[in-house]
Amino acid sequence: MANPLVQDNRPRKTQFTFDEAIDVWLRRWSGQYHHEIAAAYVINWGRVSDVLKEQTHVGSKQEAARRIGRTA
């Protein structure tokens, strides 16, 4: 017999913190795709896109670049 479906009641993230936005940049630069980053944070991939388009958390790209010694 198949296992019954169990509802997952864990709350989902709806937005990133500034530090998470920095991590989004670092993950993207390391080669991860939007959907892979979103899955790691259990968040909609559109929120990842918002960070990468600098619509949210402006300055996170520069901070991520500073942390790894890269020019943004």
PDB file of N, CA and C in Angstrom:
ATOM      1  N   MET A   1       0.842  -1.166   0.000  1.00  0.00           N
ATOM      2  CA  MET A   1       0.000   0.000   0.000  1.00  0.00           C
ATOM      3  C   MET A   1       0.896   1.242   0.000  1.00  0.00           C
ATOM      4  N   ALA A   2       0.493   2.252  -0.739  1.00  0.00           N
ATOM      5  CA  ALA A   2       1.257   3.504  -0.839  1.00  0.00           C
ATOM      6  C   ALA A   2       1.145   4.306   0.447  1.00  0.00           C
ATOM      7  N   ASN A   3       2.193   5.070   0.727  1.00  0.00           N
ATOM      8  CA  ASN A   3       2.159   5.931   1.901  1.00  0.00           C
ATOM      9  C   ASN A   3       1.144   7.051   1.699  1.00  0.00           C
ATOM     10  N   PRO A   4       0.392   7.381   2.752  1.00  0.00           N
ATOM     11  CA  PRO A   4      -0.582   8.473   2.611  1.00  0.00           C
ATOM     12  C   PRO A   4       0.145   9.819   2.473  1.00  0.00           C
ATOM     13  N   LEU A   5      -0.497  10.753   1.795  1.00  0.00           N
ATOM     14  CA  LEU A   5       0.073  12.091   1.667  1.00  0.00           C
ATOM     15  C   LEU A   5      -0.012  12.803   3.003  1.00  0.00           C
ATOM     16  N   VAL A   6       1.055  13.493   3.337  1.00  0.00           N
ATOM     17  CA  VAL A   6       1.083  14.241   4.589  1.00  0.00           C
ATOM     18  C   VAL A   6       1.239  15.715   4.236  1.00  0.00           C
ATOM     19  N   GLN A   7       0.367  16.533   4.813  1.00  0.00           N
ATOM     20  CA  GLN A   7       0.427  17.957   4.531  1.00  0.00           C
ATOM     21  C   GLN A   7       1.625  18.583   5.236  1.00  0.00           C
ATOM     22  N   ASP A   8       2.343  19.402   4.507  1.00  0.00           N
ATOM     23  CA  ASP A   8       3.499  20.106   5.046  1.00  0.00           C
ATOM     24  C   ASP A   8       3.043  21.484   5.520  1.00  0.00           C
ATOM     25  N   ASN A   9       3.036  21.696   6.823  1.00  0.00           N
ATOM     26  CA  ASN A   9       2.546  22.950   7.369  1.00  0.00           C
ATOM     27  C   ASN A   9       3.657  23.919   7.749  1.00  0.00           C
ATOM     28  N   ARG A  10       4.880  23.629   7.302  1.00  0.00           N
ATOM     29  CA  ARG A  10       5.968  24.554   7.601  1.00  0.00           C
ATOM     30  C   ARG A  10       5.732  25.864   6.869  1.00  0.00           C
ATOM     31  N   PRO A  11       5.952  26.984   7.542  1.00  0.00           N
ATOM     32  CA  PRO A  11       5.762  28.265   6.847  1.00  0.00           C
ATOM     33  C   PRO A  11       6.813  28.454   5.767  1.00  0.00           C
ATOM     34  N   ARG A  12       6.430  29.044   4.690  1.00  0.00           N
ATOM     35  CA  ARG A  12       7.333  29.314   3.578  1.00  0.00           C
ATOM     36  C   ARG A  12       7.858  30.736   3.696  1.00  0.00           C
ATOM     37  N   LYS A  13       9.077  30.937   3.210  1.00  0.00           N
ATOM     38  CA  LYS A  13       9.634  32.281   3.198  1.00  0.00           C
ATOM     39  C   LYS A  13       8.927  33.097   2.116  1.00  0.00           C
ATOM     40  N   THR A  14       8.735  34.367   2.406  1.00  0.00           N
ATOM     41  CA  THR A  14       8.134  35.248   1.412  1.00  0.00           C
ATOM     42  C   THR A  14       9.093  36.341   0.970  1.00  0.00           C
ATOM     43  N   GLN A  15      10.205  36.500   1.700  1.00  0.00           N
ATOM     44  CA  GLN A  15      11.204  37.486   1.312  1.00  0.00           C
ATOM     45  C   GLN A  15      12.549  37.121   1.917  1.00  0.00           C
ATOM     46  N   PHE A  16      13.586  37.682   1.355  1.00  0.00           N
ATOM     47  CA  PHE A  16      14.942  37.438   1.833  1.00  0.00           C
ATOM     48  C   PHE A  16      15.358  38.501   2.835  1.00  0.00           C
ATOM     49  N   THR A  17      16.253  38.143   3.738  1.00  0.00           N
ATOM     50  CA  THR A  17      16.939  39.133   4.549  1.00  0.00           C
ATOM     51  C   THR A  17      18.099  39.661   3.708  1.00  0.00           C
ATOM     52  N   PHE A  18      18.734  40.730   4.159  1.00  0.00           N
ATOM     53  CA  PHE A  18      19.859  41.289   3.408  1.00  0.00           C
ATOM     54  C   PHE A  18      20.991  40.277   3.308  1.00  0.00           C
ATOM     55  N   ASP A  19      21.298  39.573   4.407  1.00  0.00           N
ATOM     56  CA  ASP A  19      22.367  38.568   4.383  1.00  0.00           C
ATOM     57  C   ASP A  19      22.039  37.413   3.437  1.00  0.00           C
ATOM     58  N   GLU A  20      20.781  37.022   3.380  1.00  0.00           N
ATOM     59  CA  GLU A  20      20.383  35.968   2.442  1.00  0.00           C
ATOM     60  C   GLU A  20      20.504  36.463   1.004  1.00  0.00           C
ATOM     61  N   ALA A  21      20.212  37.741   0.776  1.00  0.00           N
ATOM     62  CA  ALA A  21      20.345  38.316  -0.562  1.00  0.00           C
ATOM     63  C   ALA A  21      21.807  38.282  -1.002  1.00  0.00           C
ATOM     64  N   ILE A  22      22.716  38.539  -0.073  1.00  0.00           N
ATOM     65  CA  ILE A  22      24.141  38.433  -0.381  1.00  0.00           C
ATOM     66  C   ILE A  22      24.466  36.999  -0.786  1.00  0.00           C
ATOM     67  N   ASP A  23      23.918  36.043  -0.049  1.00  0.00           N
ATOM     68  CA  ASP A  23      24.151  34.641  -0.375  1.00  0.00           C
ATOM     69  C   ASP A  23      23.576  34.278  -1.742  1.00  0.00           C
ATOM     70  N   VAL A  24      22.446  34.888  -2.109  1.00  0.00           N
ATOM     71  CA  VAL A  24      21.868  34.656  -3.437  1.00  0.00           C
ATOM     72  C   VAL A  24      22.878  35.039  -4.507  1.00  0.00           C
ATOM     73  N   TRP A  25      23.529  36.201  -4.365  1.00  0.00           N
ATOM     74  CA  TRP A  25      24.547  36.620  -5.337  1.00  0.00           C
ATOM     75  C   TRP A  25      25.705  35.640  -5.381  1.00  0.00           C
ATOM     76  N   LEU A  26      26.168  35.225  -4.216  1.00  0.00           N
ATOM     77  CA  LEU A  26      27.303  34.303  -4.171  1.00  0.00           C
ATOM     78  C   LEU A  26      26.961  32.968  -4.829  1.00  0.00           C
ATOM     79  N   ARG A  27      25.753  32.487  -4.576  1.00  0.00           N
ATOM     80  CA  ARG A  27      25.311  31.228  -5.197  1.00  0.00           C
ATOM     81  C   ARG A  27      25.204  31.377  -6.711  1.00  0.00           C
ATOM     82  N   ARG A  28      24.654  32.503  -7.163  1.00  0.00           N
ATOM     83  CA  ARG A  28      24.492  32.721  -8.606  1.00  0.00           C
ATOM     84  C   ARG A  28      25.850  32.781  -9.289  1.00  0.00           C
ATOM     85  N   TRP A  29      26.787  33.492  -8.686  1.00  0.00           N
ATOM     86  CA  TRP A  29      28.131  33.598  -9.258  1.00  0.00           C
ATOM     87  C   TRP A  29      28.856  32.261  -9.257  1.00  0.00           C
ATOM     88  N   SER A  30      28.453  31.367  -8.355  1.00  0.00           N
ATOM     89  CA  SER A  30      29.100  30.050  -8.332  1.00  0.00           C
ATOM     90  C   SER A  30      28.460  29.098  -9.341  1.00  0.00           C
ATOM     91  N   GLY A  31      27.407  29.555 -10.037  1.00  0.00           N
ATOM     92  CA  GLY A  31      26.830  28.761 -11.111  1.00  0.00           C
ATOM     93  C   GLY A  31      25.452  28.183 -10.850  1.00  0.00           C
ATOM     94  N   GLN A  32      24.866  28.470  -9.699  1.00  0.00           N
ATOM     95  CA  GLN A  32      23.531  27.941  -9.423  1.00  0.00           C
ATOM     96  C   GLN A  32      22.482  28.731 -10.198  1.00  0.00           C
ATOM     97  N   TYR A  33      21.430  28.028 -10.602  1.00  0.00           N
ATOM     98  CA  TYR A  33      20.314  28.648 -11.306  1.00  0.00           C
ATOM     99  C   TYR A  33      19.297  29.193 -10.309  1.00  0.00           C
ATOM    100  N   HIS A  34      18.430  30.080 -10.813  1.00  0.00           N
ATOM    101  CA  HIS A  34      17.400  30.699  -9.972  1.00  0.00           C
ATOM    102  C   HIS A  34      16.600  29.647  -9.201  1.00  0.00           C
ATOM    103  N   HIS A  35      16.134  28.628  -9.907  1.00  0.00           N
ATOM    104  CA  HIS A  35      15.273  27.636  -9.264  1.00  0.00           C
ATOM    105  C   HIS A  35      16.025  26.811  -8.218  1.00  0.00           C
ATOM    106  N   GLU A  36      17.310  26.633  -8.390  1.00  0.00           N
ATOM    107  CA  GLU A  36      18.101  25.896  -7.399  1.00  0.00           C
ATOM    108  C   GLU A  36      18.269  26.726  -6.122  1.00  0.00           C
ATOM    109  N   ILE A  37      18.517  28.013  -6.293  1.00  0.00           N
ATOM    110  CA  ILE A  37      18.637  28.902  -5.141  1.00  0.00           C
ATOM    111  C   ILE A  37      17.299  28.978  -4.409  1.00  0.00           C
ATOM    112  N   ALA A  38      16.221  29.111  -5.161  1.00  0.00           N
ATOM    113  CA  ALA A  38      14.888  29.186  -4.572  1.00  0.00           C
ATOM    114  C   ALA A  38      14.559  27.921  -3.777  1.00  0.00           C
ATOM    115  N   ALA A  39      14.909  26.781  -4.322  1.00  0.00           N
ATOM    116  CA  ALA A  39      14.636  25.514  -3.636  1.00  0.00           C
ATOM    117  C   ALA A  39      15.410  25.418  -2.327  1.00  0.00           C
ATOM    118  N   ALA A  40      16.634  25.930  -2.316  1.00  0.00           N
ATOM    119  CA  ALA A  40      17.445  25.881  -1.103  1.00  0.00           C
ATOM    120  C   ALA A  40      16.820  26.712   0.019  1.00  0.00           C
ATOM    121  N   TYR A  41      16.152  27.783  -0.342  1.00  0.00           N
ATOM    122  CA  TYR A  41      15.520  28.657   0.641  1.00  0.00           C
ATOM    123  C   TYR A  41      14.020  28.405   0.806  1.00  0.00           C
ATOM    124  N   VAL A  42      13.473  27.487   0.035  1.00  0.00           N
ATOM    125  CA  VAL A  42      12.037  27.196   0.021  1.00  0.00           C
ATOM    126  C   VAL A  42      11.271  28.510  -0.167  1.00  0.00           C
ATOM    127  N   ILE A  43      11.574  29.155  -1.278  1.00  0.00           N
ATOM    128  CA  ILE A  43      10.970  30.441  -1.619  1.00  0.00           C
ATOM    129  C   ILE A  43      10.683  30.449  -3.112  1.00  0.00           C
ATOM    130  N   ASN A  44       9.766  31.295  -3.520  1.00  0.00           N
ATOM    131  CA  ASN A  44       9.423  31.414  -4.928  1.00  0.00           C
ATOM    132  C   ASN A  44      10.629  31.929  -5.716  1.00  0.00           C
ATOM    133  N   TRP A  45      10.879  31.380  -6.903  1.00  0.00           N
ATOM    134  CA  TRP A  45      12.050  31.780  -7.682  1.00  0.00           C
ATOM    135  C   TRP A  45      11.979  33.244  -8.099  1.00  0.00           C
ATOM    136  N   GLY A  46      10.782  33.812  -8.108  1.00  0.00           N
ATOM    137  CA  GLY A  46      10.622  35.227  -8.445  1.00  0.00           C
ATOM    138  C   GLY A  46      11.311  36.136  -7.436  1.00  0.00           C
ATOM    139  N   ARG A  47      11.377  35.700  -6.182  1.00  0.00           N
ATOM    140  CA  ARG A  47      12.064  36.494  -5.156  1.00  0.00           C
ATOM    141  C   ARG A  47      13.570  36.500  -5.422  1.00  0.00           C
ATOM    142  N   VAL A  48      14.088  35.375  -5.925  1.00  0.00           N
ATOM    143  CA  VAL A  48      15.502  35.304  -6.314  1.00  0.00           C
ATOM    144  C   VAL A  48      15.738  36.281  -7.460  1.00  0.00           C
ATOM    145  N   SER A  49      14.849  36.277  -8.416  1.00  0.00           N
ATOM    146  CA  SER A  49      14.952  37.172  -9.563  1.00  0.00           C
ATOM    147  C   SER A  49      14.911  38.634  -9.113  1.00  0.00           C
ATOM    148  N   ASP A  50      14.061  38.953  -8.135  1.00  0.00           N
ATOM    149  CA  ASP A  50      13.988  40.320  -7.624  1.00  0.00           C
ATOM    150  C   ASP A  50      15.331  40.777  -7.069  1.00  0.00           C
ATOM    151  N   VAL A  51      16.015  39.897  -6.370  1.00  0.00           N
ATOM    152  CA  VAL A  51      17.330  40.231  -5.816  1.00  0.00           C
ATOM    153  C   VAL A  51      18.327  40.431  -6.951  1.00  0.00           C
ATOM    154  N   LEU A  52      18.332  39.524  -7.914  1.00  0.00           N
ATOM    155  CA  LEU A  52      19.316  39.579  -8.996  1.00  0.00           C
ATOM    156  C   LEU A  52      19.064  40.732  -9.973  1.00  0.00           C
ATOM    157  N   LYS A  53      17.834  41.217 -10.025  1.00  0.00           N
ATOM    158  CA  LYS A  53      17.527  42.396 -10.838  1.00  0.00           C
ATOM    159  C   LYS A  53      17.694  43.681 -10.021  1.00  0.00           C
ATOM    160  N   GLU A  54      18.086  43.519  -8.768  1.00  0.00           N
ATOM    161  CA  GLU A  54      18.287  44.614  -7.819  1.00  0.00           C
ATOM    162  C   GLU A  54      17.023  45.437  -7.594  1.00  0.00           C
ATOM    163  N   GLN A  55      15.879  44.743  -7.612  1.00  0.00           N
ATOM    164  CA  GLN A  55      14.616  45.386  -7.267  1.00  0.00           C
ATOM    165  C   GLN A  55      14.412  45.371  -5.758  1.00  0.00           C
ATOM    166  N   THR A  56      15.040  44.422  -5.089  1.00  0.00           N
ATOM    167  CA  THR A  56      15.023  44.372  -3.632  1.00  0.00           C
ATOM    168  C   THR A  56      16.462  44.234  -3.152  1.00  0.00           C
ATOM    169  N   HIS A  57      16.695  44.640  -1.925  1.00  0.00           N
ATOM    170  CA  HIS A  57      18.019  44.551  -1.293  1.00  0.00           C
ATOM    171  C   HIS A  57      19.121  45.175  -2.143  1.00  0.00           C
ATOM    172  N   VAL A  58      18.873  46.413  -2.537  1.00  0.00           N
ATOM    173  CA  VAL A  58      19.871  47.164  -3.291  1.00  0.00           C
ATOM    174  C   VAL A  58      21.129  47.277  -2.432  1.00  0.00           C
ATOM    175  N   GLY A  59      22.248  46.999  -3.015  1.00  0.00           N
ATOM    176  CA  GLY A  59      23.520  47.028  -2.297  1.00  0.00           C
ATOM    177  C   GLY A  59      24.033  45.650  -1.931  1.00  0.00           C
ATOM    178  N   SER A  60      23.175  44.641  -2.029  1.00  0.00           N
ATOM    179  CA  SER A  60      23.607  43.282  -1.686  1.00  0.00           C
ATOM    180  C   SER A  60      24.640  42.766  -2.689  1.00  0.00           C
ATOM    181  N   LYS A  61      24.525  43.173  -3.959  1.00  0.00           N
ATOM    182  CA  LYS A  61      25.488  42.750  -4.973  1.00  0.00           C
ATOM    183  C   LYS A  61      26.879  43.309  -4.645  1.00  0.00           C
ATOM    184  N   GLN A  62      26.920  44.577  -4.280  1.00  0.00           N
ATOM    185  CA  GLN A  62      28.191  45.206  -3.947  1.00  0.00           C
ATOM    186  C   GLN A  62      28.797  44.584  -2.696  1.00  0.00           C
ATOM    187  N   GLU A  63      27.969  44.288  -1.715  1.00  0.00           N
ATOM    188  CA  GLU A  63      28.474  43.675  -0.487  1.00  0.00           C
ATOM    189  C   GLU A  63      28.989  42.258  -0.761  1.00  0.00           C
ATOM    190  N   ALA A  64      28.275  41.506  -1.586  1.00  0.00           N
ATOM    191  CA  ALA A  64      28.734  40.160  -1.945  1.00  0.00           C
ATOM    192  C   ALA A  64      30.066  40.238  -2.682  1.00  0.00           C
ATOM    193  N   ALA A  65      30.180  41.191  -3.589  1.00  0.00           N
ATOM    194  CA  ALA A  65      31.423  41.365  -4.350  1.00  0.00           C
ATOM    195  C   ALA A  65      32.564  41.745  -3.403  1.00  0.00           C
ATOM    196  N   ARG A  66      32.279  42.605  -2.446  1.00  0.00           N
ATOM    197  CA  ARG A  66      33.299  43.009  -1.487  1.00  0.00           C
ATOM    198  C   ARG A  66      33.784  41.819  -0.673  1.00  0.00           C
ATOM    199  N   ARG A  67      32.856  40.956  -0.277  1.00  0.00           N
ATOM    200  CA  ARG A  67      33.206  39.800   0.554  1.00  0.00           C
ATOM    201  C   ARG A  67      34.107  38.807  -0.160  1.00  0.00           C
ATOM    202  N   ILE A  68      33.992  38.746  -1.471  1.00  0.00           N
ATOM    203  CA  ILE A  68      34.847  37.784  -2.192  1.00  0.00           C
ATOM    204  C   ILE A  68      35.939  38.481  -2.997  1.00  0.00           C
ATOM    205  N   GLY A  69      36.036  39.808  -2.859  1.00  0.00           N
ATOM    206  CA  GLY A  69      37.082  40.536  -3.560  1.00  0.00           C
ATOM    207  C   GLY A  69      36.857  40.649  -5.040  1.00  0.00           C
ATOM    208  N   ARG A  70      35.597  40.744  -5.438  1.00  0.00           N
ATOM    209  CA  ARG A  70      35.238  40.825  -6.848  1.00  0.00           C
ATOM    210  C   ARG A  70      34.652  42.208  -7.122  1.00  0.00           C
ATOM    211  N   THR A  71      34.880  42.733  -8.310  1.00  0.00           N
ATOM    212  CA  THR A  71      34.254  44.001  -8.675  1.00  0.00           C
ATOM    213  C   THR A  71      32.875  43.730  -9.231  1.00  0.00           C
ATOM    214  N   ALA A  72      31.881  44.417  -8.690  1.00  0.00           N
ATOM    215  CA  ALA A  72      30.489  44.176  -9.088  1.00  0.00           C
ATOM    216  C   ALA A  72      30.188  44.770 -10.439  1.00  0.00           C
TER     217      ALA A  72
END
